[in-house]
């Protein structure tokens, strides 16, 4: 599974990436995590607010930073 964190590198974007990595570690998974900061690439996903999370090319959330526990549930689906 490829997980992309979309965002310019702001504090919330970085926080989402950290929480995604922690959620994956707790789940015992080593999925690839990519931080996408290129505005043109972010726009291709139709995301209007960042940070956003893309899992296997599907936007799963945007505009917020969920808890590690919420991310664990989202990534377990």
PDB file of N, CA and C in Angstrom:
ATOM      1  N   UNK A   1       0.852  -1.175   0.000  1.00  0.00           N
ATOM      2  CA  UNK A   1       0.000   0.000   0.000  1.00  0.00           C
ATOM      3  C   UNK A   1       0.897   1.237   0.000  1.00  0.00           C
ATOM      4  N   UNK A   2       0.529   2.215  -0.814  1.00  0.00           N
ATOM      5  CA  UNK A   2       1.247   3.483  -0.844  1.00  0.00           C
ATOM      6  C   UNK A   2       0.358   4.545  -0.207  1.00  0.00           C
ATOM      7  N   UNK A   3       0.909   5.229   0.777  1.00  0.00           N
ATOM      8  CA  UNK A   3       0.174   6.261   1.504  1.00  0.00           C
ATOM      9  C   UNK A   3       0.845   7.589   1.219  1.00  0.00           C
ATOM     10  N   UNK A   4       0.043   8.560   0.795  1.00  0.00           N
ATOM     11  CA  UNK A   4       0.582   9.887   0.502  1.00  0.00           C
ATOM     12  C   UNK A   4      -0.030  10.909   1.444  1.00  0.00           C
ATOM     13  N   UNK A   5       0.825  11.729   2.012  1.00  0.00           N
ATOM     14  CA  UNK A   5       0.394  12.869   2.810  1.00  0.00           C
ATOM     15  C   UNK A   5       0.565  14.080   1.904  1.00  0.00           C
ATOM     16  N   UNK A   6      -0.547  14.756   1.625  1.00  0.00           N
ATOM     17  CA  UNK A   6      -0.513  15.925   0.760  1.00  0.00           C
ATOM     18  C   UNK A   6      -0.484  17.175   1.612  1.00  0.00           C
ATOM     19  N   UNK A   7       0.502  18.026   1.365  1.00  0.00           N
ATOM     20  CA  UNK A   7       0.585  19.276   2.105  1.00  0.00           C
ATOM     21  C   UNK A   7       1.883  20.004   1.848  1.00  0.00           C
ATOM     22  N   UNK A   8       1.846  21.292   2.095  1.00  0.00           N
ATOM     23  CA  UNK A   8       2.965  22.170   1.782  1.00  0.00           C
ATOM     24  C   UNK A   8       4.163  22.019   2.707  1.00  0.00           C
ATOM     25  N   UNK A   9       4.004  21.303   3.782  1.00  0.00           N
ATOM     26  CA  UNK A   9       5.083  21.184   4.759  1.00  0.00           C
ATOM     27  C   UNK A   9       4.782  21.970   6.020  1.00  0.00           C
ATOM     28  N   UNK A  10       3.542  22.417   6.161  1.00  0.00           N
ATOM     29  CA  UNK A  10       3.134  23.158   7.357  1.00  0.00           C
ATOM     30  C   UNK A  10       3.135  22.224   8.577  1.00  0.00           C
ATOM     31  N   UNK A  11       2.947  22.795   9.739  1.00  0.00           N
ATOM     32  CA  UNK A  11       2.978  22.010  10.981  1.00  0.00           C
ATOM     33  C   UNK A  11       1.934  20.896  10.966  1.00  0.00           C
ATOM     34  N   UNK A  12       0.721  21.188  10.510  1.00  0.00           N
ATOM     35  CA  UNK A  12      -0.323  20.157  10.476  1.00  0.00           C
ATOM     36  C   UNK A  12       0.005  19.048   9.479  1.00  0.00           C
ATOM     37  N   UNK A  13       0.588  19.413   8.355  1.00  0.00           N
ATOM     38  CA  UNK A  13       0.976  18.413   7.358  1.00  0.00           C
ATOM     39  C   UNK A  13       2.042  17.481   7.932  1.00  0.00           C
ATOM     40  N   UNK A  14       3.009  18.048   8.585  1.00  0.00           N
ATOM     41  CA  UNK A  14       4.068  17.244   9.202  1.00  0.00           C
ATOM     42  C   UNK A  14       3.513  16.398  10.338  1.00  0.00           C
ATOM     43  N   UNK A  15       2.586  16.944  11.097  1.00  0.00           N
ATOM     44  CA  UNK A  15       1.967  16.195  12.194  1.00  0.00           C
ATOM     45  C   UNK A  15       1.201  14.988  11.645  1.00  0.00           C
ATOM     46  N   UNK A  16       0.477  15.181  10.528  1.00  0.00           N
ATOM     47  CA  UNK A  16      -0.257  14.060   9.929  1.00  0.00           C
ATOM     48  C   UNK A  16       0.716  12.968   9.498  1.00  0.00           C
ATOM     49  N   UNK A  17       1.810  13.345   8.881  1.00  0.00           N
ATOM     50  CA  UNK A  17       2.789  12.342   8.457  1.00  0.00           C
ATOM     51  C   UNK A  17       3.339  11.578   9.667  1.00  0.00           C
ATOM     52  N   UNK A  18       3.661  12.277  10.734  1.00  0.00           N
ATOM     53  CA  UNK A  18       4.163  11.622  11.942  1.00  0.00           C
ATOM     54  C   UNK A  18       3.135  10.647  12.498  1.00  0.00           C
ATOM     55  N   UNK A  19       1.877  11.068  12.529  1.00  0.00           N
ATOM     56  CA  UNK A  19       0.828  10.203  13.074  1.00  0.00           C
ATOM     57  C   UNK A  19       0.566   9.001  12.180  1.00  0.00           C
ATOM     58  N   UNK A  20       0.650   9.184  10.872  1.00  0.00           N
ATOM     59  CA  UNK A  20       0.491   8.054   9.953  1.00  0.00           C
ATOM     60  C   UNK A  20       1.600   7.035  10.198  1.00  0.00           C
ATOM     61  N   UNK A  21       2.820   7.509  10.321  1.00  0.00           N
ATOM     62  CA  UNK A  21       3.947   6.599  10.568  1.00  0.00           C
ATOM     63  C   UNK A  21       3.788   5.876  11.913  1.00  0.00           C
ATOM     64  N   UNK A  22       3.299   6.588  12.925  1.00  0.00           N
ATOM     65  CA  UNK A  22       3.078   5.951  14.224  1.00  0.00           C
ATOM     66  C   UNK A  22       1.966   4.911  14.141  1.00  0.00           C
ATOM     67  N   UNK A  23       0.892   5.242  13.446  1.00  0.00           N
ATOM     68  CA  UNK A  23      -0.225   4.296  13.280  1.00  0.00           C
ATOM     69  C   UNK A  23       0.258   3.035  12.577  1.00  0.00           C
ATOM     70  N   UNK A  24       1.039   3.192  11.528  1.00  0.00           N
ATOM     71  CA  UNK A  24       1.564   2.028  10.809  1.00  0.00           C
ATOM     72  C   UNK A  24       2.474   1.196  11.705  1.00  0.00           C
ATOM     73  N   UNK A  25       3.305   1.862  12.499  1.00  0.00           N
ATOM     74  CA  UNK A  25       4.202   1.137  13.415  1.00  0.00           C
ATOM     75  C   UNK A  25       3.391   0.335  14.421  1.00  0.00           C
ATOM     76  N   UNK A  26       2.349   0.936  14.962  1.00  0.00           N
ATOM     77  CA  UNK A  26       1.508   0.223  15.932  1.00  0.00           C
ATOM     78  C   UNK A  26       0.798  -0.957  15.296  1.00  0.00           C
ATOM     79  N   UNK A  27       0.475  -0.822  14.012  1.00  0.00           N
ATOM     80  CA  UNK A  27      -0.189  -1.911  13.287  1.00  0.00           C
ATOM     81  C   UNK A  27       0.800  -2.965  12.808  1.00  0.00           C
ATOM     82  N   UNK A  28       2.101  -2.682  12.978  1.00  0.00           N
ATOM     83  CA  UNK A  28       3.128  -3.623  12.540  1.00  0.00           C
ATOM     84  C   UNK A  28       3.279  -3.672  11.030  1.00  0.00           C
ATOM     85  N   UNK A  29       3.001  -2.566  10.368  1.00  0.00           N
ATOM     86  CA  UNK A  29       3.076  -2.510   8.904  1.00  0.00           C
ATOM     87  C   UNK A  29       4.205  -1.594   8.465  1.00  0.00           C
ATOM     88  N   UNK A  30       4.714  -1.842   7.281  1.00  0.00           N
ATOM     89  CA  UNK A  30       5.811  -1.031   6.755  1.00  0.00           C
ATOM     90  C   UNK A  30       5.459  -0.451   5.386  1.00  0.00           C
ATOM     91  N   UNK A  31       4.230   0.021   5.246  1.00  0.00           N
ATOM     92  CA  UNK A  31       3.768   0.621   3.997  1.00  0.00           C
ATOM     93  C   UNK A  31       4.623   1.836   3.648  1.00  0.00           C
ATOM     94  N   UNK A  32       4.713   2.114   2.373  1.00  0.00           N
ATOM     95  CA  UNK A  32       5.464   3.277   1.905  1.00  0.00           C
ATOM     96  C   UNK A  32       4.666   4.545   2.195  1.00  0.00           C
ATOM     97  N   UNK A  33       5.307   5.526   2.817  1.00  0.00           N
ATOM     98  CA  UNK A  33       4.690   6.820   3.107  1.00  0.00           C
ATOM     99  C   UNK A  33       5.459   7.887   2.326  1.00  0.00           C
ATOM    100  N   UNK A  34       4.721   8.662   1.537  1.00  0.00           N
ATOM    101  CA  UNK A  34       5.318   9.703   0.711  1.00  0.00           C
ATOM    102  C   UNK A  34       4.677  11.034   1.073  1.00  0.00           C
ATOM    103  N   UNK A  35       5.494  12.052   1.295  1.00  0.00           N
ATOM    104  CA  UNK A  35       4.969  13.399   1.571  1.00  0.00           C
ATOM    105  C   UNK A  35       5.016  14.186   0.262  1.00  0.00           C
ATOM    106  N   UNK A  36       3.853  14.573  -0.235  1.00  0.00           N
ATOM    107  CA  UNK A  36       3.747  15.302  -1.500  1.00  0.00           C
ATOM    108  C   UNK A  36       3.514  16.770  -1.189  1.00  0.00           C
ATOM    109  N   UNK A  37       4.454  17.609  -1.586  1.00  0.00           N
ATOM    110  CA  UNK A  37       4.316  19.046  -1.325  1.00  0.00           C
ATOM    111  C   UNK A  37       4.150  19.862  -2.605  1.00  0.00           C
ATOM    112  N   UNK A  38       4.257  19.213  -3.755  1.00  0.00           N
ATOM    113  CA  UNK A  38       4.106  19.900  -5.035  1.00  0.00           C
ATOM    114  C   UNK A  38       2.639  20.287  -5.240  1.00  0.00           C
ATOM    115  N   UNK A  39       2.372  21.582  -5.345  1.00  0.00           N
ATOM    116  CA  UNK A  39       0.998  22.077  -5.437  1.00  0.00           C
ATOM    117  C   UNK A  39       0.273  21.510  -6.653  1.00  0.00           C
ATOM    118  N   UNK A  40       0.956  21.407  -7.779  1.00  0.00           N
ATOM    119  CA  UNK A  40       0.321  20.870  -8.994  1.00  0.00           C
ATOM    120  C   UNK A  40      -0.128  19.427  -8.774  1.00  0.00           C
ATOM    121  N   UNK A  41       0.688  18.624  -8.112  1.00  0.00           N
ATOM    122  CA  UNK A  41       0.316  17.234  -7.849  1.00  0.00           C
ATOM    123  C   UNK A  41      -0.837  17.159  -6.850  1.00  0.00           C
ATOM    124  N   UNK A  42      -0.816  18.007  -5.834  1.00  0.00           N
ATOM    125  CA  UNK A  42      -1.907  18.037  -4.856  1.00  0.00           C
ATOM    126  C   UNK A  42      -3.217  18.383  -5.554  1.00  0.00           C
ATOM    127  N   UNK A  43      -3.174  19.345  -6.468  1.00  0.00           N
ATOM    128  CA  UNK A  43      -4.375  19.771  -7.188  1.00  0.00           C
ATOM    129  C   UNK A  43      -4.959  18.636  -8.036  1.00  0.00           C
ATOM    130  N   UNK A  44      -4.119  17.758  -8.532  1.00  0.00           N
ATOM    131  CA  UNK A  44      -4.599  16.626  -9.339  1.00  0.00           C
ATOM    132  C   UNK A  44      -5.531  15.716  -8.552  1.00  0.00           C
ATOM    133  N   UNK A  45      -5.405  15.731  -7.238  1.00  0.00           N
ATOM    134  CA  UNK A  45      -6.285  14.908  -6.398  1.00  0.00           C
ATOM    135  C   UNK A  45      -7.600  15.623  -6.076  1.00  0.00           C
ATOM    136  N   UNK A  46      -7.724  16.875  -6.471  1.00  0.00           N
ATOM    137  CA  UNK A  46      -8.944  17.626  -6.204  1.00  0.00           C
ATOM    138  C   UNK A  46      -9.089  18.063  -4.761  1.00  0.00           C
ATOM    139  N   UNK A  47      -7.998  18.063  -4.043  1.00  0.00           N
ATOM    140  CA  UNK A  47      -8.009  18.432  -2.623  1.00  0.00           C
ATOM    141  C   UNK A  47      -8.039  19.948  -2.500  1.00  0.00           C
ATOM    142  N   UNK A  48      -9.000  20.451  -1.718  1.00  0.00           N
ATOM    143  CA  UNK A  48      -9.135  21.889  -1.543  1.00  0.00           C
ATOM    144  C   UNK A  48      -8.503  22.382  -0.238  1.00  0.00           C
ATOM    145  N   UNK A  49      -8.302  21.487   0.715  1.00  0.00           N
ATOM    146  CA  UNK A  49      -7.654  21.886   1.965  1.00  0.00           C
ATOM    147  C   UNK A  49      -6.700  20.781   2.408  1.00  0.00           C
ATOM    148  N   UNK A  50      -5.568  21.212   2.926  1.00  0.00           N
ATOM    149  CA  UNK A  50      -4.568  20.268   3.389  1.00  0.00           C
ATOM    150  C   UNK A  50      -4.438  20.395   4.900  1.00  0.00           C
ATOM    151  N   UNK A  51      -3.909  19.411   5.558  1.00  0.00           N
ATOM    152  CA  UNK A  51      -3.319  18.215   4.990  1.00  0.00           C
ATOM    153  C   UNK A  51      -4.393  17.253   4.478  1.00  0.00           C
ATOM    154  N   UNK A  52      -3.968  16.371   3.605  1.00  0.00           N
ATOM    155  CA  UNK A  52      -4.860  15.346   3.079  1.00  0.00           C
ATOM    156  C   UNK A  52      -4.117  14.022   3.070  1.00  0.00           C
ATOM    157  N   UNK A  53      -4.891  12.954   3.092  1.00  0.00           N
ATOM    158  CA  UNK A  53      -4.311  11.616   3.112  1.00  0.00           C
ATOM    159  C   UNK A  53      -4.863  10.827   1.930  1.00  0.00           C
ATOM    160  N   UNK A  54      -3.948  10.270   1.145  1.00  0.00           N
ATOM    161  CA  UNK A  54      -4.311   9.464  -0.018  1.00  0.00           C
ATOM    162  C   UNK A  54      -3.788   8.056   0.214  1.00  0.00           C
ATOM    163  N   UNK A  55      -4.677   7.076   0.111  1.00  0.00           N
ATOM    164  CA  UNK A  55      -4.299   5.683   0.305  1.00  0.00           C
ATOM    165  C   UNK A  55      -4.595   4.946  -1.003  1.00  0.00           C
ATOM    166  N   UNK A  56      -3.562   4.394  -1.593  1.00  0.00           N
ATOM    167  CA  UNK A  56      -3.693   3.715  -2.886  1.00  0.00           C
ATOM    168  C   UNK A  56      -4.476   4.548  -3.889  1.00  0.00           C
ATOM    169  N   UNK A  57      -4.069   5.823  -4.013  1.00  0.00           N
ATOM    170  CA  UNK A  57      -4.601   6.789  -4.976  1.00  0.00           C
ATOM    171  C   UNK A  57      -6.046   7.211  -4.714  1.00  0.00           C
ATOM    172  N   UNK A  58      -6.581   6.937  -3.524  1.00  0.00           N
ATOM    173  CA  UNK A  58      -7.919   7.382  -3.132  1.00  0.00           C
ATOM    174  C   UNK A  58      -7.789   8.358  -1.964  1.00  0.00           C
ATOM    175  N   UNK A  59      -8.366   9.553  -2.125  1.00  0.00           N
ATOM    176  CA  UNK A  59      -8.339  10.538  -1.042  1.00  0.00           C
ATOM    177  C   UNK A  59      -9.232  10.013   0.077  1.00  0.00           C
ATOM    178  N   UNK A  60      -8.645   9.841   1.257  1.00  0.00           N
ATOM    179  CA  UNK A  60      -9.385   9.282   2.397  1.00  0.00           C
ATOM    180  C   UNK A  60      -9.780  10.336   3.417  1.00  0.00           C
ATOM    181  N   UNK A  61      -9.029  11.447   3.472  1.00  0.00           N
ATOM    182  CA  UNK A  61      -9.408  12.552   4.355  1.00  0.00           C
ATOM    183  C   UNK A  61      -8.682  13.800   3.934  1.00  0.00           C
ATOM    184  N   UNK A  62      -9.249  14.944   4.305  1.00  0.00           N
ATOM    185  CA  UNK A  62      -8.635  16.232   3.961  1.00  0.00           C
ATOM    186  C   UNK A  62      -9.038  17.282   4.987  1.00  0.00           C
ATOM    187  N   UNK A  63      -8.110  18.208   5.236  1.00  0.00           N
ATOM    188  CA  UNK A  63      -8.393  19.356   6.072  1.00  0.00           C
ATOM    189  C   UNK A  63      -8.355  19.144   7.563  1.00  0.00           C
ATOM    190  N   UNK A  64      -7.831  18.000   8.001  1.00  0.00           N
ATOM    191  CA  UNK A  64      -7.757  17.765   9.445  1.00  0.00           C
ATOM    192  C   UNK A  64      -6.647  16.775   9.758  1.00  0.00           C
ATOM    193  N   UNK A  65      -6.300  16.716  11.045  1.00  0.00           N
ATOM    194  CA  UNK A  65      -5.275  15.784  11.512  1.00  0.00           C
ATOM    195  C   UNK A  65      -5.937  14.880  12.552  1.00  0.00           C
ATOM    196  N   UNK A  66      -6.329  13.677  12.149  1.00  0.00           N
ATOM    197  CA  UNK A  66      -6.981  12.766  13.100  1.00  0.00           C
ATOM    198  C   UNK A  66      -5.984  12.188  14.099  1.00  0.00           C
ATOM    199  N   UNK A  67      -6.513  11.579  15.130  1.00  0.00           N
ATOM    200  CA  UNK A  67      -5.673  10.939  16.137  1.00  0.00           C
ATOM    201  C   UNK A  67      -5.003   9.702  15.547  1.00  0.00           C
ATOM    202  N   UNK A  68      -3.987   9.220  16.211  1.00  0.00           N
ATOM    203  CA  UNK A  68      -3.302   7.997  15.781  1.00  0.00           C
ATOM    204  C   UNK A  68      -4.293   6.850  15.764  1.00  0.00           C
ATOM    205  N   UNK A  69      -5.162   6.775  16.760  1.00  0.00           N
ATOM    206  CA  UNK A  69      -6.136   5.706  16.839  1.00  0.00           C
ATOM    207  C   UNK A  69      -7.102   5.755  15.658  1.00  0.00           C
ATOM    208  N   UNK A  70      -7.561   6.956  15.289  1.00  0.00           N
ATOM    209  CA  UNK A  70      -8.454   7.090  14.131  1.00  0.00           C
ATOM    210  C   UNK A  70      -7.736   6.672  12.853  1.00  0.00           C
ATOM    211  N   UNK A  71      -6.462   7.024  12.740  1.00  0.00           N
ATOM    212  CA  UNK A  71      -5.694   6.630  11.567  1.00  0.00           C
ATOM    213  C   UNK A  71      -5.500   5.124  11.519  1.00  0.00           C
ATOM    214  N   UNK A  72      -5.290   4.510  12.659  1.00  0.00           N
ATOM    215  CA  UNK A  72      -5.164   3.046  12.702  1.00  0.00           C
ATOM    216  C   UNK A  72      -6.432   2.389  12.166  1.00  0.00           C
ATOM    217  N   UNK A  73      -7.581   2.898  12.573  1.00  0.00           N
ATOM    218  CA  UNK A  73      -8.856   2.350  12.081  1.00  0.00           C
ATOM    219  C   UNK A  73      -9.002   2.578  10.580  1.00  0.00           C
ATOM    220  N   UNK A  74      -8.655   3.764  10.123  1.00  0.00           N
ATOM    221  CA  UNK A  74      -8.768   4.093   8.707  1.00  0.00           C
ATOM    222  C   UNK A  74      -7.831   3.220   7.866  1.00  0.00           C
ATOM    223  N   UNK A  75      -6.625   3.011   8.336  1.00  0.00           N
ATOM    224  CA  UNK A  75      -5.648   2.228   7.576  1.00  0.00           C
ATOM    225  C   UNK A  75      -5.870   0.727   7.681  1.00  0.00           C
ATOM    226  N   UNK A  76      -6.711   0.302   8.592  1.00  0.00           N
ATOM    227  CA  UNK A  76      -7.003  -1.135   8.755  1.00  0.00           C
ATOM    228  C   UNK A  76      -8.108  -1.592   7.821  1.00  0.00           C
ATOM    229  N   UNK A  77      -8.815  -0.646   7.223  1.00  0.00           N
ATOM    230  CA  UNK A  77      -9.934  -1.013   6.337  1.00  0.00           C
ATOM    231  C   UNK A  77      -9.459  -1.595   5.054  1.00  0.00           C
TER     232      UNK A  77
END
